[in-house]
């Protein structure tokens, strides 16, 4: 049985991946934009993070596509 079940990408899909970037957010302005998007789009409508946290954004040619946040576990 072949373990390689990966399909090849179309040229359009490869172009998207070539321009996709995931990076940590820096600065209050980006944090604020991230929080606004979470409050607007997430089903809980709450962007509160507790303790230490990380925030990342996925962009395509400078356009924000997704945000991801992590915070430290609580007791």
PDB file of N, CA and C in Angstrom:
ATOM      1  N   UNK A   1       0.835  -1.176   0.000  1.00  0.00           N
ATOM      2  CA  UNK A   1       0.000   0.000   0.000  1.00  0.00           C
ATOM      3  C   UNK A   1       0.883   1.245   0.000  1.00  0.00           C
ATOM      4  N   UNK A   2       0.608   2.127  -0.902  1.00  0.00           N
ATOM      5  CA  UNK A   2       1.401   3.343  -1.028  1.00  0.00           C
ATOM      6  C   UNK A   2       1.071   4.319   0.094  1.00  0.00           C
ATOM      7  N   UNK A   3       2.089   4.848   0.732  1.00  0.00           N
ATOM      8  CA  UNK A   3       1.887   5.835   1.802  1.00  0.00           C
ATOM      9  C   UNK A   3       1.770   7.249   1.248  1.00  0.00           C
ATOM     10  N   UNK A   4       2.207   7.459   0.037  1.00  0.00           N
ATOM     11  CA  UNK A   4       2.189   8.795  -0.546  1.00  0.00           C
ATOM     12  C   UNK A   4       0.861   9.028  -1.250  1.00  0.00           C
ATOM     13  N   UNK A   5      -0.100   9.603  -0.514  1.00  0.00           N
ATOM     14  CA  UNK A   5      -1.415   9.888  -1.077  1.00  0.00           C
ATOM     15  C   UNK A   5      -1.573  11.371  -1.373  1.00  0.00           C
ATOM     16  N   UNK A   6      -0.503  12.110  -1.330  1.00  0.00           N
ATOM     17  CA  UNK A   6      -0.545  13.543  -1.561  1.00  0.00           C
ATOM     18  C   UNK A   6      -0.803  13.834  -3.035  1.00  0.00           C
ATOM     19  N   UNK A   7      -1.783  14.660  -3.284  1.00  0.00           N
ATOM     20  CA  UNK A   7      -2.087  15.052  -4.648  1.00  0.00           C
ATOM     21  C   UNK A   7      -1.204  16.222  -5.033  1.00  0.00           C
ATOM     22  N   UNK A   8      -0.880  16.300  -6.302  1.00  0.00           N
ATOM     23  CA  UNK A   8      -0.086  17.430  -6.746  1.00  0.00           C
ATOM     24  C   UNK A   8      -0.960  18.677  -6.806  1.00  0.00           C
ATOM     25  N   UNK A   9      -0.346  19.820  -6.610  1.00  0.00           N
ATOM     26  CA  UNK A   9      -1.067  21.083  -6.596  1.00  0.00           C
ATOM     27  C   UNK A   9      -1.182  21.644  -8.000  1.00  0.00           C
ATOM     28  N   UNK A  10      -2.280  22.331  -8.236  1.00  0.00           N
ATOM     29  CA  UNK A  10      -2.431  23.030  -9.511  1.00  0.00           C
ATOM     30  C   UNK A  10      -1.519  24.264  -9.473  1.00  0.00           C
ATOM     31  N   UNK A  11      -1.207  24.826 -10.628  1.00  0.00           N
ATOM     32  CA  UNK A  11      -0.378  26.040 -10.638  1.00  0.00           C
ATOM     33  C   UNK A  11      -0.996  27.178  -9.823  1.00  0.00           C
ATOM     34  N   UNK A  12      -2.325  27.295  -9.846  1.00  0.00           N
ATOM     35  CA  UNK A  12      -2.991  28.354  -9.082  1.00  0.00           C
ATOM     36  C   UNK A  12      -2.829  28.131  -7.586  1.00  0.00           C
ATOM     37  N   UNK A  13      -2.988  26.877  -7.151  1.00  0.00           N
ATOM     38  CA  UNK A  13      -2.814  26.560  -5.732  1.00  0.00           C
ATOM     39  C   UNK A  13      -1.379  26.804  -5.285  1.00  0.00           C
ATOM     40  N   UNK A  14      -0.428  26.450  -6.115  1.00  0.00           N
ATOM     41  CA  UNK A  14       0.982  26.667  -5.782  1.00  0.00           C
ATOM     42  C   UNK A  14       1.288  28.154  -5.675  1.00  0.00           C
ATOM     43  N   UNK A  15       0.684  28.959  -6.538  1.00  0.00           N
ATOM     44  CA  UNK A  15       0.886  30.409  -6.493  1.00  0.00           C
ATOM     45  C   UNK A  15       0.374  30.983  -5.173  1.00  0.00           C
ATOM     46  N   UNK A  16      -0.793  30.506  -4.731  1.00  0.00           N
ATOM     47  CA  UNK A  16      -1.335  30.971  -3.446  1.00  0.00           C
ATOM     48  C   UNK A  16      -0.371  30.608  -2.321  1.00  0.00           C
ATOM     49  N   UNK A  17       0.103  29.367  -2.298  1.00  0.00           N
ATOM     50  CA  UNK A  17       1.024  28.946  -1.239  1.00  0.00           C
ATOM     51  C   UNK A  17       2.344  29.702  -1.287  1.00  0.00           C
ATOM     52  N   UNK A  18       2.807  30.036  -2.484  1.00  0.00           N
ATOM     53  CA  UNK A  18       4.054  30.792  -2.605  1.00  0.00           C
ATOM     54  C   UNK A  18       3.943  32.176  -1.984  1.00  0.00           C
ATOM     55  N   UNK A  19       2.736  32.744  -1.960  1.00  0.00           N
ATOM     56  CA  UNK A  19       2.541  34.086  -1.423  1.00  0.00           C
ATOM     57  C   UNK A  19       1.920  34.088  -0.026  1.00  0.00           C
ATOM     58  N   UNK A  20       1.679  32.919   0.540  1.00  0.00           N
ATOM     59  CA  UNK A  20       1.097  32.821   1.875  1.00  0.00           C
ATOM     60  C   UNK A  20       2.187  33.010   2.928  1.00  0.00           C
ATOM     61  N   UNK A  21       1.874  33.790   3.935  1.00  0.00           N
ATOM     62  CA  UNK A  21       2.833  34.052   5.006  1.00  0.00           C
ATOM     63  C   UNK A  21       2.115  33.962   6.352  1.00  0.00           C
ATOM     64  N   UNK A  22       2.724  33.292   7.313  1.00  0.00           N
ATOM     65  CA  UNK A  22       2.213  33.240   8.679  1.00  0.00           C
ATOM     66  C   UNK A  22       3.266  33.874   9.572  1.00  0.00           C
ATOM     67  N   UNK A  23       2.836  34.860  10.363  1.00  0.00           N
ATOM     68  CA  UNK A  23       3.804  35.589  11.197  1.00  0.00           C
ATOM     69  C   UNK A  23       3.153  36.005  12.500  1.00  0.00           C
ATOM     70  N   UNK A  24       3.968  36.202  13.534  1.00  0.00           N
ATOM     71  CA  UNK A  24       3.419  36.687  14.807  1.00  0.00           C
ATOM     72  C   UNK A  24       3.010  38.156  14.674  1.00  0.00           C
ATOM     73  N   UNK A  25       1.995  38.543  15.421  1.00  0.00           N
ATOM     74  CA  UNK A  25       1.569  39.940  15.439  1.00  0.00           C
ATOM     75  C   UNK A  25       2.489  40.735  16.347  1.00  0.00           C
ATOM     76  N   UNK A  26       2.690  41.979  15.979  1.00  0.00           N
ATOM     77  CA  UNK A  26       3.526  42.869  16.779  1.00  0.00           C
ATOM     78  C   UNK A  26       2.828  44.210  16.915  1.00  0.00           C
ATOM     79  N   UNK A  27       2.872  44.759  18.079  1.00  0.00           N
ATOM     80  CA  UNK A  27       2.347  46.102  18.294  1.00  0.00           C
ATOM     81  C   UNK A  27       0.871  46.159  18.602  1.00  0.00           C
ATOM     82  N   UNK A  28       0.498  47.241  19.252  1.00  0.00           N
ATOM     83  CA  UNK A  28      -0.888  47.433  19.696  1.00  0.00           C
ATOM     84  C   UNK A  28      -1.871  47.535  18.540  1.00  0.00           C
ATOM     85  N   UNK A  29      -1.460  48.151  17.445  1.00  0.00           N
ATOM     86  CA  UNK A  29      -2.371  48.311  16.307  1.00  0.00           C
ATOM     87  C   UNK A  29      -2.780  46.959  15.735  1.00  0.00           C
ATOM     88  N   UNK A  30      -1.824  46.066  15.549  1.00  0.00           N
ATOM     89  CA  UNK A  30      -2.143  44.733  15.029  1.00  0.00           C
ATOM     90  C   UNK A  30      -2.930  43.916  16.050  1.00  0.00           C
ATOM     91  N   UNK A  31      -2.594  44.041  17.326  1.00  0.00           N
ATOM     92  CA  UNK A  31      -3.364  43.343  18.366  1.00  0.00           C
ATOM     93  C   UNK A  31      -4.816  43.816  18.344  1.00  0.00           C
ATOM     94  N   UNK A  32      -5.010  45.118  18.217  1.00  0.00           N
ATOM     95  CA  UNK A  32      -6.356  45.670  18.173  1.00  0.00           C
ATOM     96  C   UNK A  32      -7.143  45.163  16.978  1.00  0.00           C
ATOM     97  N   UNK A  33      -6.497  45.110  15.829  1.00  0.00           N
ATOM     98  CA  UNK A  33      -7.170  44.602  14.622  1.00  0.00           C
ATOM     99  C   UNK A  33      -7.551  43.139  14.797  1.00  0.00           C
ATOM    100  N   UNK A  34      -6.652  42.365  15.375  1.00  0.00           N
ATOM    101  CA  UNK A  34      -6.913  40.951  15.643  1.00  0.00           C
ATOM    102  C   UNK A  34      -8.112  40.807  16.576  1.00  0.00           C
ATOM    103  N   UNK A  35      -8.136  41.554  17.656  1.00  0.00           N
ATOM    104  CA  UNK A  35      -9.236  41.487  18.617  1.00  0.00           C
ATOM    105  C   UNK A  35     -10.565  41.879  17.969  1.00  0.00           C
ATOM    106  N   UNK A  36     -10.548  42.920  17.153  1.00  0.00           N
ATOM    107  CA  UNK A  36     -11.765  43.342  16.463  1.00  0.00           C
ATOM    108  C   UNK A  36     -12.306  42.233  15.571  1.00  0.00           C
ATOM    109  N   UNK A  37     -11.420  41.571  14.847  1.00  0.00           N
ATOM    110  CA  UNK A  37     -11.853  40.481  13.967  1.00  0.00           C
ATOM    111  C   UNK A  37     -12.433  39.313  14.755  1.00  0.00           C
ATOM    112  N   UNK A  38     -11.805  38.992  15.877  1.00  0.00           N
ATOM    113  CA  UNK A  38     -12.315  37.887  16.699  1.00  0.00           C
ATOM    114  C   UNK A  38     -13.690  38.235  17.265  1.00  0.00           C
ATOM    115  N   UNK A  39     -13.835  39.438  17.802  1.00  0.00           N
ATOM    116  CA  UNK A  39     -15.116  39.850  18.367  1.00  0.00           C
ATOM    117  C   UNK A  39     -16.203  39.837  17.286  1.00  0.00           C
ATOM    118  N   UNK A  40     -15.846  40.252  16.091  1.00  0.00           N
ATOM    119  CA  UNK A  40     -16.821  40.316  15.001  1.00  0.00           C
ATOM    120  C   UNK A  40     -17.157  38.939  14.432  1.00  0.00           C
ATOM    121  N   UNK A  41     -16.160  38.065  14.271  1.00  0.00           N
ATOM    122  CA  UNK A  41     -16.356  36.827  13.516  1.00  0.00           C
ATOM    123  C   UNK A  41     -16.479  35.555  14.357  1.00  0.00           C
ATOM    124  N   UNK A  42     -15.898  35.520  15.543  1.00  0.00           N
ATOM    125  CA  UNK A  42     -15.921  34.290  16.345  1.00  0.00           C
ATOM    126  C   UNK A  42     -17.283  34.112  16.998  1.00  0.00           C
ATOM    127  N   UNK A  43     -17.720  32.888  17.113  1.00  0.00           N
ATOM    128  CA  UNK A  43     -19.064  32.639  17.645  1.00  0.00           C
ATOM    129  C   UNK A  43     -19.224  33.065  19.107  1.00  0.00           C
ATOM    130  N   UNK A  44     -18.134  33.130  19.874  1.00  0.00           N
ATOM    131  CA  UNK A  44     -18.226  33.597  21.256  1.00  0.00           C
ATOM    132  C   UNK A  44     -18.167  35.118  21.372  1.00  0.00           C
ATOM    133  N   UNK A  45     -17.725  35.798  20.324  1.00  0.00           N
ATOM    134  CA  UNK A  45     -17.622  37.265  20.300  1.00  0.00           C
ATOM    135  C   UNK A  45     -16.811  37.812  21.468  1.00  0.00           C
ATOM    136  N   UNK A  46     -15.724  37.121  21.797  1.00  0.00           N
ATOM    137  CA  UNK A  46     -14.875  37.546  22.910  1.00  0.00           C
ATOM    138  C   UNK A  46     -13.424  37.258  22.557  1.00  0.00           C
ATOM    139  N   UNK A  47     -12.597  38.275  22.639  1.00  0.00           N
ATOM    140  CA  UNK A  47     -11.193  38.127  22.279  1.00  0.00           C
ATOM    141  C   UNK A  47     -10.277  38.131  23.497  1.00  0.00           C
ATOM    142  N   UNK A  48     -10.835  37.923  24.674  1.00  0.00           N
ATOM    143  CA  UNK A  48     -10.054  37.977  25.904  1.00  0.00           C
ATOM    144  C   UNK A  48      -9.066  36.822  25.967  1.00  0.00           C
ATOM    145  N   UNK A  49      -7.806  37.151  26.173  1.00  0.00           N
ATOM    146  CA  UNK A  49      -6.760  36.150  26.384  1.00  0.00           C
ATOM    147  C   UNK A  49      -6.238  36.329  27.806  1.00  0.00           C
ATOM    148  N   UNK A  50      -5.959  35.228  28.473  1.00  0.00           N
ATOM    149  CA  UNK A  50      -5.524  35.266  29.866  1.00  0.00           C
ATOM    150  C   UNK A  50      -4.072  34.840  29.954  1.00  0.00           C
ATOM    151  N   UNK A  51      -3.289  35.554  30.750  1.00  0.00           N
ATOM    152  CA  UNK A  51      -1.892  35.192  30.970  1.00  0.00           C
ATOM    153  C   UNK A  51      -1.037  35.404  29.731  1.00  0.00           C
ATOM    154  N   UNK A  52       0.018  34.617  29.642  1.00  0.00           N
ATOM    155  CA  UNK A  52       0.898  34.713  28.481  1.00  0.00           C
ATOM    156  C   UNK A  52       0.125  34.277  27.243  1.00  0.00           C
ATOM    157  N   UNK A  53       0.402  34.942  26.126  1.00  0.00           N
ATOM    158  CA  UNK A  53      -0.346  34.604  24.922  1.00  0.00           C
ATOM    159  C   UNK A  53       0.471  34.855  23.660  1.00  0.00           C
ATOM    160  N   UNK A  54       0.035  34.222  22.600  1.00  0.00           N
ATOM    161  CA  UNK A  54       0.614  34.393  21.271  1.00  0.00           C
ATOM    162  C   UNK A  54      -0.506  34.727  20.306  1.00  0.00           C
ATOM    163  N   UNK A  55      -0.210  35.570  19.328  1.00  0.00           N
ATOM    164  CA  UNK A  55      -1.173  35.912  18.280  1.00  0.00           C
ATOM    165  C   UNK A  55      -0.445  35.874  16.943  1.00  0.00           C
ATOM    166  N   UNK A  56      -1.034  35.178  15.997  1.00  0.00           N
ATOM    167  CA  UNK A  56      -0.461  35.048  14.660  1.00  0.00           C
ATOM    168  C   UNK A  56      -1.488  35.444  13.616  1.00  0.00           C
ATOM    169  N   UNK A  57      -1.001  35.864  12.452  1.00  0.00           N
ATOM    170  CA  UNK A  57      -1.859  36.180  11.328  1.00  0.00           C
ATOM    171  C   UNK A  57      -1.324  35.464  10.085  1.00  0.00           C
ATOM    172  N   UNK A  58      -2.251  34.952   9.270  1.00  0.00           N
ATOM    173  CA  UNK A  58      -1.910  34.378   7.966  1.00  0.00           C
ATOM    174  C   UNK A  58      -2.313  35.402   6.917  1.00  0.00           C
ATOM    175  N   UNK A  59      -1.369  35.764   6.054  1.00  0.00           N
ATOM    176  CA  UNK A  59      -1.631  36.764   5.028  1.00  0.00           C
ATOM    177  C   UNK A  59      -1.342  36.209   3.646  1.00  0.00           C
ATOM    178  N   UNK A  60      -2.038  36.754   2.666  1.00  0.00           N
ATOM    179  CA  UNK A  60      -1.788  36.446   1.259  1.00  0.00           C
ATOM    180  C   UNK A  60      -1.642  37.775   0.540  1.00  0.00           C
ATOM    181  N   UNK A  61      -0.441  38.052   0.087  1.00  0.00           N
ATOM    182  CA  UNK A  61      -0.129  39.320  -0.587  1.00  0.00           C
ATOM    183  C   UNK A  61      -0.563  40.517   0.255  1.00  0.00           C
ATOM    184  N   UNK A  62      -0.318  40.429   1.571  1.00  0.00           N
ATOM    185  CA  UNK A  62      -0.613  41.526   2.477  1.00  0.00           C
ATOM    186  C   UNK A  62      -2.021  41.541   3.042  1.00  0.00           C
ATOM    187  N   UNK A  63      -2.919  40.727   2.517  1.00  0.00           N
ATOM    188  CA  UNK A  63      -4.319  40.692   2.994  1.00  0.00           C
ATOM    189  C   UNK A  63      -4.453  39.659   4.101  1.00  0.00           C
ATOM    190  N   UNK A  64      -5.049  40.056   5.211  1.00  0.00           N
ATOM    191  CA  UNK A  64      -5.244  39.140   6.332  1.00  0.00           C
ATOM    192  C   UNK A  64      -6.287  38.096   5.962  1.00  0.00           C
ATOM    193  N   UNK A  65      -5.938  36.823   6.091  1.00  0.00           N
ATOM    194  CA  UNK A  65      -6.868  35.736   5.810  1.00  0.00           C
ATOM    195  C   UNK A  65      -7.374  35.075   7.078  1.00  0.00           C
ATOM    196  N   UNK A  66      -6.504  34.965   8.086  1.00  0.00           N
ATOM    197  CA  UNK A  66      -6.870  34.265   9.315  1.00  0.00           C
ATOM    198  C   UNK A  66      -6.005  34.765  10.459  1.00  0.00           C
ATOM    199  N   UNK A  67      -6.556  34.651  11.674  1.00  0.00           N
ATOM    200  CA  UNK A  67      -5.778  34.917  12.871  1.00  0.00           C
ATOM    201  C   UNK A  67      -5.869  33.698  13.766  1.00  0.00           C
ATOM    202  N   UNK A  68      -4.840  33.492  14.544  1.00  0.00           N
ATOM    203  CA  UNK A  68      -4.801  32.393  15.509  1.00  0.00           C
ATOM    204  C   UNK A  68      -4.218  32.917  16.810  1.00  0.00           C
ATOM    205  N   UNK A  69      -4.862  32.572  17.914  1.00  0.00           N
ATOM    206  CA  UNK A  69      -4.386  33.005  19.220  1.00  0.00           C
ATOM    207  C   UNK A  69      -4.266  31.826  20.163  1.00  0.00           C
ATOM    208  N   UNK A  70      -3.302  31.900  21.058  1.00  0.00           N
ATOM    209  CA  UNK A  70      -3.107  30.904  22.091  1.00  0.00           C
ATOM    210  C   UNK A  70      -2.840  31.643  23.393  1.00  0.00           C
ATOM    211  N   UNK A  71      -3.351  31.116  24.475  1.00  0.00           N
ATOM    212  CA  UNK A  71      -3.016  31.672  25.787  1.00  0.00           C
ATOM    213  C   UNK A  71      -2.665  30.526  26.733  1.00  0.00           C
ATOM    214  N   UNK A  72      -1.963  30.898  27.789  1.00  0.00           N
ATOM    215  CA  UNK A  72      -1.514  29.901  28.755  1.00  0.00           C
ATOM    216  C   UNK A  72      -2.692  29.209  29.419  1.00  0.00           C
ATOM    217  N   UNK A  73      -2.467  27.980  29.800  1.00  0.00           N
ATOM    218  CA  UNK A  73      -3.516  27.204  30.463  1.00  0.00           C
ATOM    219  C   UNK A  73      -3.787  27.775  31.847  1.00  0.00           C
ATOM    220  N   UNK A  74      -5.027  27.685  32.273  1.00  0.00           N
ATOM    221  CA  UNK A  74      -5.386  28.137  33.616  1.00  0.00           C
ATOM    222  C   UNK A  74      -5.280  26.951  34.576  1.00  0.00           C
ATOM    223  N   UNK A  75      -5.311  27.241  35.850  1.00  0.00           N
ATOM    224  CA  UNK A  75      -5.240  26.172  36.856  1.00  0.00           C
ATOM    225  C   UNK A  75      -6.460  25.297  36.783  1.00  0.00           C
TER     226      UNK A  75
END
